[in-house]
Amino acid sequence: MPPDTALPAAPAAPAAAVPQAGEPATGSDFNPLLRAVQAAGLLERRTGYYARSISVNLFLVAAVWVCVFLLGGSWWVLALALPTAVLSARTAFLAHDAGHQQIAATRRTNRLLGLLHTNLLLGISIGWWTDKHNRHHANPNHVGKDPDVGPGALIWTPEQTIGRTGFLRWMSRHQAGLFFPLLLLEGISLKVTSLQELRRLPVGKRWLEGALMAVHLLGYAAVLLTAMSPGRALAFAALHQALFGLHLGCAFAPNHKGMDMPDPDGERRSHLQRQVGTSRNVRGGALTDWFLGGLNYQIDHHLFPSMPRPNLRLAQPLIRAHCVTVGLPYTETRLIESYRQGLRHLRLVGAPLRP
């Protein structure tokens, strides 16, 4: 069997698939799918699932930090950086779901959950992240509209190589090999960018989010410095944040990297064409679902962003069948192959800079 399975999919619907827009948009070819998903009850809230998930996650977070205190006098405490990073990623996945209005019935409750999991527990701005992620959902992989494919440490199109000089040019030339090492900096990068972007938020939100992020930073430093020596605390923090960034990056990388990137001046695409054609699912079982936080159902998530995470696996057969009916590719691959495709794309983009 080939590594990729490309089944067909279809057109429909405006950009109401943006998380904050509530339910996904409707359209002539999208309506049958929407009706089937609604009839199956797959857009209904899963409060019991999320109550359990949040409670277990908070309990485990508290438990691992108790263990940090108990082992703080030994260098063996560094071994706890791994479970701490894994739980930080679990927290980020819950924050993602809250940002998409998946957890609770009201925006207020989802926002409170987002502030708890993102600002307070992770030190990242939910306001900044939600705005950025909404723009990504509206136009995935669309250069000039999707902030996730804008030029930065990495570049995504040959046109973005223009003007790269010095160290950035060297990075672009070798970006495929640097991709996973750079993910080790993603945890810190999210915090730094959050601080920089706070000024763009409305004043009320700015002060609230900034205060919660400050509580996180001061509390994180206080716990580490109380539990262990400064040198050991610095080593633990560096390892924790590096593993957190790597885990999070590995979960997001398979979703769109190496997939179609619409021409900004090309033919206008419908909602369904935009979401299905630019997204990739990752095949696997319960372990894959857990490791990727449900983001392995990326096509299904992009079509129904407010659908609770546990329902994505249930909705997949309906969505795949609809794609076959209307003739758009429904792309699925294994996890390692998804990374290989993304790295191949990075290598091709950087090729003009290599002698």
Protein backbone atom coordinates (compact mmCIF):
# COMPACT_ATOMS: atom_id res chain seq x y z
CA MET A 1 0.00 0.00 0.00
CA PRO A 2 1.42 3.48 -0.86
CA PRO A 3 2.27 5.79 2.07
CA ASP A 4 -0.44 8.25 1.08
CA THR A 5 -4.09 7.53 0.57
CA ALA A 6 -5.82 10.28 -1.39
CA LEU A 7 -9.54 9.78 -1.47
CA PRO A 8 -11.72 12.37 -3.14
CA ALA A 9 -13.64 15.29 -1.28
CA ALA A 10 -15.71 18.52 -2.30
CA PRO A 11 -16.65 22.23 -2.54
CA ALA A 12 -18.82 24.46 -0.31
CA ALA A 13 -19.19 27.09 2.40
CA PRO A 14 -17.75 30.45 3.36
CA ALA A 15 -15.08 31.09 5.95
CA ALA A 16 -17.39 30.51 8.90
CA ALA A 17 -15.19 27.55 9.75
CA VAL A 18 -13.09 30.00 11.72
CA PRO A 19 -13.23 28.77 15.34
CA GLN A 20 -14.85 31.91 16.71
CA ALA A 21 -17.59 31.78 14.12
CA GLY A 22 -19.29 28.89 15.89
CA GLU A 23 -20.61 26.23 13.56
CA PRO A 24 -18.99 25.71 10.17
CA ALA A 25 -20.37 27.44 7.13
CA THR A 26 -22.96 25.93 4.85
CA GLY A 27 -23.00 25.57 1.08
CA SER A 28 -24.64 23.47 -1.65
CA ASP A 29 -22.08 20.63 -1.58
CA PHE A 30 -21.36 21.00 2.13
CA ASN A 31 -24.99 20.84 3.29
CA PRO A 32 -25.43 17.05 2.96
CA LEU A 33 -22.32 16.49 5.07
CA LEU A 34 -23.38 19.07 7.64
CA ARG A 35 -26.82 17.47 7.94
CA ALA A 36 -25.30 14.00 8.36
CA VAL A 37 -22.91 15.21 11.06
CA GLN A 38 -25.67 17.06 12.90
CA ALA A 39 -28.03 14.07 12.67
CA ALA A 40 -25.33 11.88 14.24
CA GLY A 41 -25.09 14.33 17.15
CA LEU A 42 -21.38 14.88 16.54
CA LEU A 43 -21.50 18.65 17.10
CA GLU A 44 -23.00 18.28 20.58
CA ARG A 45 -20.79 19.12 23.56
CA ARG A 46 -18.96 16.31 25.39
CA THR A 47 -18.92 17.90 28.84
CA GLY A 48 -18.31 14.62 30.64
CA TYR A 49 -15.26 13.82 28.52
CA TYR A 50 -13.77 17.27 29.05
CA ALA A 51 -14.58 17.33 32.78
CA ARG A 52 -12.65 14.08 33.17
CA SER A 53 -9.81 15.19 30.92
CA ILE A 54 -9.33 18.53 32.68
CA SER A 55 -9.57 16.98 36.16
CA VAL A 56 -7.08 14.21 35.37
CA ASN A 57 -4.69 16.64 33.70
CA LEU A 58 -4.75 19.06 36.65
CA PHE A 59 -4.26 16.18 39.11
CA LEU A 60 -1.26 14.86 37.17
CA VAL A 61 0.25 18.34 36.82
CA ALA A 62 -0.01 18.82 40.59
CA ALA A 63 1.39 15.33 41.23
CA VAL A 64 4.44 15.80 39.01
CA TRP A 65 5.28 19.11 40.69
CA VAL A 66 5.05 17.43 44.10
CA CYS A 67 7.58 14.91 42.78
CA VAL A 68 9.78 17.80 41.61
CA PHE A 69 9.84 19.09 45.19
CA LEU A 70 10.66 15.65 46.55
CA LEU A 71 13.53 15.07 44.10
CA GLY A 72 14.71 18.68 43.92
CA GLY A 73 17.86 17.95 45.90
CA SER A 74 19.09 15.47 43.29
CA TRP A 75 20.03 15.75 39.64
CA TRP A 76 17.55 12.91 39.08
CA VAL A 77 14.90 15.62 39.15
CA LEU A 78 15.81 16.36 35.53
CA ALA A 79 14.14 13.08 34.57
CA LEU A 80 10.84 14.68 35.58
CA ALA A 81 11.24 17.30 32.84
CA LEU A 82 9.86 14.72 30.37
CA PRO A 83 6.50 14.03 32.10
CA THR A 84 6.25 17.75 32.89
CA ALA A 85 6.66 18.57 29.19
CA VAL A 86 4.12 15.92 28.18
CA LEU A 87 1.58 17.34 30.62
CA SER A 88 2.28 20.86 29.32
CA ALA A 89 1.41 19.61 25.84
CA ARG A 90 -1.80 18.00 27.22
CA THR A 91 -2.63 21.39 28.74
CA ALA A 92 -1.98 23.08 25.38
CA PHE A 93 -4.33 20.66 23.60
CA LEU A 94 -7.09 21.48 26.09
CA ALA A 95 -6.40 25.19 25.56
CA HIS A 96 -6.69 24.61 21.80
CA ASP A 97 -10.09 22.97 22.27
CA ALA A 98 -11.28 25.83 24.49
CA GLY A 99 -10.15 28.34 21.86
CA HIS A 100 -12.30 26.51 19.32
CA GLN A 101 -15.37 26.60 21.61
CA GLN A 102 -15.34 22.79 21.79
CA ILE A 103 -15.59 22.36 25.54
CA ALA A 104 -18.43 24.44 26.96
CA ALA A 105 -21.69 25.81 25.60
CA THR A 106 -20.82 29.49 26.18
CA ARG A 107 -17.96 31.63 24.94
CA ARG A 108 -17.44 33.02 28.43
CA THR A 109 -16.79 29.59 29.92
CA ASN A 110 -14.53 28.59 27.05
CA ARG A 111 -12.58 31.81 27.48
CA LEU A 112 -12.15 31.21 31.20
CA LEU A 113 -10.88 27.70 30.46
CA GLY A 114 -8.55 29.14 27.83
CA LEU A 115 -7.16 31.70 30.29
CA LEU A 116 -6.60 28.96 32.88
CA HIS A 117 -4.85 26.53 30.57
CA THR A 118 -2.98 28.98 28.35
CA ASN A 119 -2.09 32.13 30.30
CA LEU A 120 -1.93 30.75 33.82
CA LEU A 121 -0.62 27.21 33.31
CA LEU A 122 1.56 27.80 30.22
CA GLY A 123 2.42 31.51 30.27
CA ILE A 124 1.08 31.98 26.73
CA SER A 125 -1.51 34.54 25.60
CA ILE A 126 -4.84 32.97 24.63
CA GLY A 127 -5.93 36.24 22.98
CA TRP A 128 -2.92 36.38 20.67
CA TRP A 129 -2.99 32.67 19.90
CA THR A 130 -6.74 32.57 19.15
CA ASP A 131 -6.51 35.49 16.71
CA LYS A 132 -3.55 33.92 14.94
CA HIS A 133 -5.16 30.49 14.82
CA ASN A 134 -8.47 31.88 13.52
CA ARG A 135 -6.65 33.46 10.59
CA HIS A 136 -4.94 30.16 9.90
CA HIS A 137 -8.28 28.31 9.88
CA ALA A 138 -9.85 30.83 7.53
CA ASN A 139 -7.13 30.40 4.88
CA PRO A 140 -4.87 27.43 5.65
CA ASN A 141 -1.54 27.37 3.80
CA HIS A 142 -2.52 30.56 1.94
CA VAL A 143 0.56 32.79 1.67
CA GLY A 144 -0.25 36.32 2.75
CA LYS A 145 -3.30 35.25 4.75
CA ASP A 146 -2.18 32.31 6.89
CA PRO A 147 0.30 33.53 9.54
CA ASP A 148 1.64 29.98 9.91
CA VAL A 149 3.29 30.15 6.47
CA GLY A 150 4.71 33.64 6.75
CA PRO A 151 8.51 34.01 6.46
CA GLY A 152 10.37 33.72 9.74
CA ALA A 153 13.05 31.37 10.95
CA LEU A 154 11.70 29.03 8.25
CA ILE A 155 10.36 29.83 4.80
CA TRP A 156 7.64 28.01 2.92
CA THR A 157 7.75 29.21 -0.71
CA PRO A 158 10.58 29.91 -3.18
CA GLU A 159 9.51 33.56 -3.29
CA GLN A 160 10.32 33.89 0.41
CA THR A 161 13.98 33.16 -0.32
CA ILE A 162 14.30 36.58 -1.93
CA GLY A 163 16.21 39.00 0.28
CA ARG A 164 17.43 36.35 2.74
CA THR A 165 21.00 37.24 3.65
CA GLY A 166 23.59 36.27 6.22
CA PHE A 167 22.53 33.88 8.96
CA LEU A 168 18.89 33.74 7.78
CA ARG A 169 20.06 32.73 4.31
CA TRP A 170 22.19 29.97 5.83
CA MET A 171 19.22 28.78 7.90
CA SER A 172 16.94 28.70 4.86
CA ARG A 173 19.53 26.72 2.95
CA HIS A 174 19.62 24.05 5.66
CA GLN A 175 16.10 24.43 7.06
CA ALA A 176 15.06 20.82 6.50
CA GLY A 177 17.88 19.61 8.75
CA LEU A 178 17.24 22.37 11.27
CA PHE A 179 13.48 21.83 11.54
CA PHE A 180 13.36 19.45 14.51
CA PRO A 181 16.22 21.15 16.41
CA LEU A 182 14.37 24.47 16.02
CA LEU A 183 11.29 22.93 17.62
CA LEU A 184 13.29 22.74 20.85
CA LEU A 185 12.95 26.54 20.98
CA GLU A 186 9.22 26.59 20.27
CA GLY A 187 8.15 26.57 23.93
CA ILE A 188 10.20 29.68 24.70
CA SER A 189 9.22 31.30 21.40
CA LEU A 190 5.51 31.04 22.21
CA LYS A 191 6.05 32.80 25.54
CA VAL A 192 8.24 35.56 24.09
CA THR A 193 5.83 36.22 21.21
CA SER A 194 2.91 36.30 23.65
CA LEU A 195 4.61 39.04 25.66
CA GLN A 196 5.37 41.00 22.49
CA GLU A 197 1.80 40.72 21.22
CA LEU A 198 0.08 41.71 24.48
CA ARG A 199 0.15 45.36 23.45
CA ARG A 200 -2.12 44.57 20.49
CA LEU A 201 -4.93 43.32 22.74
CA PRO A 202 -7.69 45.63 24.05
CA VAL A 203 -6.65 47.25 27.31
CA GLY A 204 -8.89 45.17 29.57
CA LYS A 205 -7.80 41.86 28.04
CA ARG A 206 -4.18 43.03 27.97
CA TRP A 207 -4.03 43.61 31.71
CA LEU A 208 -5.88 40.41 32.60
CA GLU A 209 -3.82 38.21 30.32
CA GLY A 210 -0.59 39.95 31.28
CA ALA A 211 -1.33 39.50 34.99
CA LEU A 212 -2.02 35.78 34.57
CA MET A 213 1.16 35.33 32.51
CA ALA A 214 3.14 37.17 35.20
CA VAL A 215 1.67 34.88 37.88
CA HIS A 216 2.73 31.89 35.79
CA LEU A 217 6.28 33.17 35.31
CA LEU A 218 6.78 34.16 38.95
CA GLY A 219 5.19 30.97 40.23
CA TYR A 220 7.25 28.79 37.88
CA ALA A 221 10.48 30.47 38.97
CA ALA A 222 9.52 30.37 42.65
CA VAL A 223 8.68 26.66 42.58
CA LEU A 224 11.92 25.72 40.83
CA LEU A 225 14.14 27.91 43.00
CA THR A 226 12.44 26.66 46.17
CA ALA A 227 12.76 23.02 45.15
CA MET A 228 16.36 23.04 43.88
CA SER A 229 19.57 25.02 43.43
CA PRO A 230 19.67 27.82 40.82
CA GLY A 231 21.86 25.79 38.45
CA ARG A 232 19.61 22.76 38.67
CA ALA A 233 16.53 24.96 38.29
CA LEU A 234 17.93 26.51 35.11
CA ALA A 235 18.75 23.07 33.69
CA PHE A 236 15.27 21.76 34.54
CA ALA A 237 13.53 24.78 32.98
CA ALA A 238 15.63 24.54 29.80
CA LEU A 239 14.93 20.84 29.41
CA HIS A 240 11.23 21.20 30.23
CA GLN A 241 10.66 23.99 27.72
CA ALA A 242 12.73 22.27 25.01
CA LEU A 243 10.79 18.99 25.30
CA PHE A 244 7.48 20.87 25.48
CA GLY A 245 8.27 22.74 22.26
CA LEU A 246 9.40 19.56 20.53
CA HIS A 247 6.24 17.66 21.52
CA LEU A 248 3.95 20.50 20.49
CA GLY A 249 5.79 21.06 17.20
CA CYS A 250 5.67 17.35 16.37
CA ALA A 251 1.89 17.46 16.86
CA PHE A 252 1.34 20.48 14.61
CA ALA A 253 3.92 19.73 11.89
CA PRO A 254 2.05 16.89 10.09
CA ASN A 255 -1.11 18.91 9.52
CA HIS A 256 -0.32 21.16 6.55
CA LYS A 257 3.43 21.19 5.85
CA GLY A 258 4.12 19.90 2.37
CA MET A 259 0.44 20.14 1.36
CA ASP A 260 -1.02 22.34 -1.37
CA MET A 261 -0.35 26.07 -0.99
CA PRO A 262 -2.99 28.06 -2.93
CA ASP A 263 -1.77 30.67 -5.37
CA PRO A 264 -2.74 34.12 -3.98
CA ASP A 265 -3.76 35.18 -7.50
CA GLY A 266 -5.30 31.85 -8.46
CA GLU A 267 -8.87 30.64 -8.74
CA ARG A 268 -11.10 31.37 -5.76
CA ARG A 269 -11.73 28.22 -3.74
CA SER A 270 -14.80 27.21 -1.80
CA HIS A 271 -14.69 26.51 1.91
CA LEU A 272 -14.51 22.74 1.45
CA GLN A 273 -11.83 22.98 -1.24
CA ARG A 274 -9.69 25.23 0.96
CA GLN A 275 -9.91 23.04 4.02
CA VAL A 276 -9.65 19.57 2.48
CA GLY A 277 -7.04 20.36 -0.16
CA THR A 278 -4.56 21.94 2.24
CA SER A 279 -4.86 19.51 5.17
CA ARG A 280 -3.48 16.06 5.89
CA ASN A 281 -4.73 13.41 8.29
CA VAL A 282 -2.41 11.03 10.12
CA ARG A 283 -3.52 7.41 10.32
CA GLY A 284 -3.13 5.51 13.57
CA GLY A 285 -4.86 4.22 16.67
CA ALA A 286 -5.42 5.43 20.21
CA LEU A 287 -1.72 6.13 20.78
CA THR A 288 -1.58 8.41 17.74
CA ASP A 289 -4.73 10.20 18.90
CA TRP A 290 -3.14 10.73 22.30
CA PHE A 291 0.28 11.84 21.04
CA LEU A 292 -1.15 14.31 18.52
CA GLY A 293 -3.98 15.54 20.74
CA GLY A 294 -6.62 14.68 18.14
CA LEU A 295 -4.95 16.95 15.58
CA ASN A 296 -4.29 13.89 13.44
CA TYR A 297 -7.89 14.37 12.25
CA GLN A 298 -6.89 17.65 10.68
CA ILE A 299 -9.24 17.59 7.68
CA ASP A 300 -12.20 16.79 9.90
CA HIS A 301 -11.15 19.42 12.46
CA HIS A 302 -10.82 22.10 9.78
CA LEU A 303 -14.27 21.35 8.40
CA PHE A 304 -15.86 21.28 11.87
CA PRO A 305 -13.55 23.28 14.18
CA SER A 306 -16.07 23.44 17.03
CA MET A 307 -16.61 19.67 17.00
CA PRO A 308 -15.43 18.18 20.33
CA ARG A 309 -12.14 16.34 19.94
CA PRO A 310 -13.44 12.84 20.83
CA ASN A 311 -16.06 13.10 18.07
CA LEU A 312 -13.54 13.63 15.27
CA ARG A 313 -12.75 9.93 14.95
CA LEU A 314 -16.50 9.20 14.80
CA ALA A 315 -17.08 11.85 12.13
CA GLN A 316 -14.19 10.76 9.92
CA PRO A 317 -16.05 7.99 8.02
CA LEU A 318 -18.89 10.39 7.17
CA ILE A 319 -16.49 13.08 6.00
CA ARG A 320 -14.31 10.67 4.04
CA ALA A 321 -17.35 9.19 2.28
CA HIS A 322 -18.64 12.65 1.41
CA CYS A 323 -15.26 13.53 -0.06
CA VAL A 324 -15.37 10.41 -2.22
CA THR A 325 -18.84 11.36 -3.41
CA VAL A 326 -17.95 14.88 -4.49
CA GLY A 327 -14.44 14.19 -5.76
CA LEU A 328 -11.91 16.09 -3.63
CA PRO A 329 -8.79 14.32 -2.30
CA TYR A 330 -8.99 13.23 1.33
CA THR A 331 -5.29 12.78 2.13
CA GLU A 332 -4.12 10.42 4.86
CA THR A 333 -0.65 9.14 5.70
CA ARG A 334 1.36 7.61 8.50
CA LEU A 335 3.08 9.88 11.01
CA ILE A 336 6.66 9.31 9.83
CA GLU A 337 5.63 9.78 6.21
CA SER A 338 3.94 13.08 7.10
CA TYR A 339 7.22 14.33 8.56
CA ARG A 340 9.08 13.09 5.48
CA GLN A 341 6.75 15.03 3.19
CA GLY A 342 7.09 18.19 5.26
CA LEU A 343 10.90 17.97 5.30
CA ARG A 344 10.93 17.31 1.56
CA HIS A 345 8.98 20.53 1.03
CA LEU A 346 11.38 22.51 3.23
CA ARG A 347 14.33 21.05 1.34
CA LEU A 348 12.85 21.97 -2.05
CA VAL A 349 12.08 25.53 -0.94
CA GLY A 350 15.65 26.03 0.28
CA ALA A 351 17.20 24.45 -2.83
CA PRO A 352 17.72 27.74 -4.77
CA LEU A 353 19.98 28.96 -1.94
CA ARG A 354 22.26 25.93 -2.09
CA PRO A 355 25.23 25.98 -4.47
